[in-house]
Amino acid sequence: MNLFLNPDLWSWLCSGSAVMWLWLYGRKSLWGPRVGLFSQAFWVMFTLTSGQHGLWLCVVLFAVNHAWNWYKWAKENGDGEET
């Protein structure tokens, strides 16, 4: 099987990236929403390779949430730099 079509690979990347963005959010780092938004690419691939199409709603909602938080936090920090 092609490695990139293996849902196990994507599930590990999803889990690892989720732990990372949760930790960054907990530190109130502007990198939290950035990493969270980027990690949605892993969730897209996991959804496609695993056939768990019910996750599409979560992918979209999490992407919107991360994008909104990135915008809101950058606006609160003025120039978008970390505090």
Protein backbone atom coordinates (compact mmCIF):
# COMPACT_ATOMS: atom_id res chain seq x y z
CA MET A 1 0.00 0.00 0.00
CA ASN A 2 1.18 3.50 -0.79
CA LEU A 3 2.32 5.19 2.44
CA PHE A 4 0.40 8.37 1.62
CA LEU A 5 -2.84 6.39 1.31
CA ASN A 6 -2.40 4.76 4.71
CA PRO A 7 -4.92 6.15 7.22
CA ASP A 8 -2.64 5.10 10.10
CA LEU A 9 -0.02 7.64 8.98
CA TRP A 10 -2.58 10.43 8.89
CA SER A 11 -4.10 9.47 12.24
CA TRP A 12 -0.66 9.81 13.89
CA LEU A 13 -0.09 13.18 12.20
CA CYS A 14 -3.56 14.33 13.27
CA SER A 15 -2.92 13.33 16.87
CA GLY A 16 0.54 14.86 17.00
CA SER A 17 -0.55 18.14 15.48
CA ALA A 18 -3.59 18.31 17.80
CA VAL A 19 -1.38 17.92 20.86
CA MET A 20 0.89 20.66 19.52
CA TRP A 21 -1.83 23.20 18.78
CA LEU A 22 -3.61 22.49 22.07
CA TRP A 23 -0.38 23.16 23.95
CA LEU A 24 0.18 26.38 21.99
CA TYR A 25 -3.39 27.53 22.60
CA GLY A 26 -2.87 26.87 26.30
CA ARG A 27 0.13 29.19 26.24
CA LYS A 28 -2.03 31.79 24.40
CA SER A 29 0.49 31.72 21.59
CA LEU A 30 -0.51 33.09 18.20
CA TRP A 31 1.09 29.94 16.80
CA GLY A 32 -1.80 27.88 18.23
CA PRO A 33 -4.33 28.92 15.57
CA ARG A 34 -1.66 28.84 12.88
CA VAL A 35 -0.64 25.26 13.63
CA GLY A 36 -4.29 24.31 14.13
CA LEU A 37 -5.25 25.67 10.73
CA PHE A 38 -2.30 23.95 9.07
CA SER A 39 -3.15 20.66 10.80
CA GLN A 40 -6.52 20.57 9.07
CA ALA A 41 -4.65 19.33 5.99
CA PHE A 42 -3.82 16.18 7.97
CA TRP A 43 -7.49 15.79 8.90
CA VAL A 44 -8.52 16.17 5.26
CA MET A 45 -6.13 13.40 4.27
CA PHE A 46 -7.25 11.20 7.15
CA THR A 47 -10.89 11.70 6.19
CA LEU A 48 -10.17 10.85 2.56
CA THR A 49 -8.04 7.76 3.26
CA SER A 50 -10.14 6.33 6.09
CA GLY A 51 -13.54 6.86 4.49
CA GLN A 52 -14.85 8.51 7.66
CA HIS A 53 -16.76 11.19 5.83
CA GLY A 54 -18.58 12.30 8.97
CA LEU A 55 -15.38 14.13 9.94
CA TRP A 56 -15.83 16.69 7.16
CA LEU A 57 -18.05 18.81 9.40
CA CYS A 58 -15.38 18.84 12.11
CA VAL A 59 -12.66 19.72 9.60
CA VAL A 60 -14.64 22.70 8.34
CA LEU A 61 -15.67 23.91 11.80
CA PHE A 62 -12.16 23.57 13.23
CA ALA A 63 -10.68 25.40 10.23
CA VAL A 64 -13.15 28.26 10.68
CA ASN A 65 -12.44 28.35 14.42
CA HIS A 66 -8.65 28.43 13.94
CA ALA A 67 -8.89 31.11 11.24
CA TRP A 68 -11.16 33.25 13.42
CA ASN A 69 -8.88 32.91 16.45
CA TRP A 70 -5.84 33.77 14.37
CA TYR A 71 -7.57 36.91 13.07
CA LYS A 72 -8.93 37.90 16.49
CA TRP A 73 -5.69 37.33 18.39
CA ALA A 74 -3.58 39.10 15.77
CA LYS A 75 -5.95 42.08 15.90
CA GLU A 76 -5.79 42.17 19.72
CA ASN A 77 -1.97 42.14 19.60
CA GLY A 78 -1.90 45.08 17.21
CA ASP A 79 0.65 44.09 14.58
CA GLY A 80 0.11 40.35 15.00
CA GLU A 81 3.33 39.72 16.89
CA GLU A 82 3.39 37.46 19.92
CA THR A 83 2.98 38.96 23.36
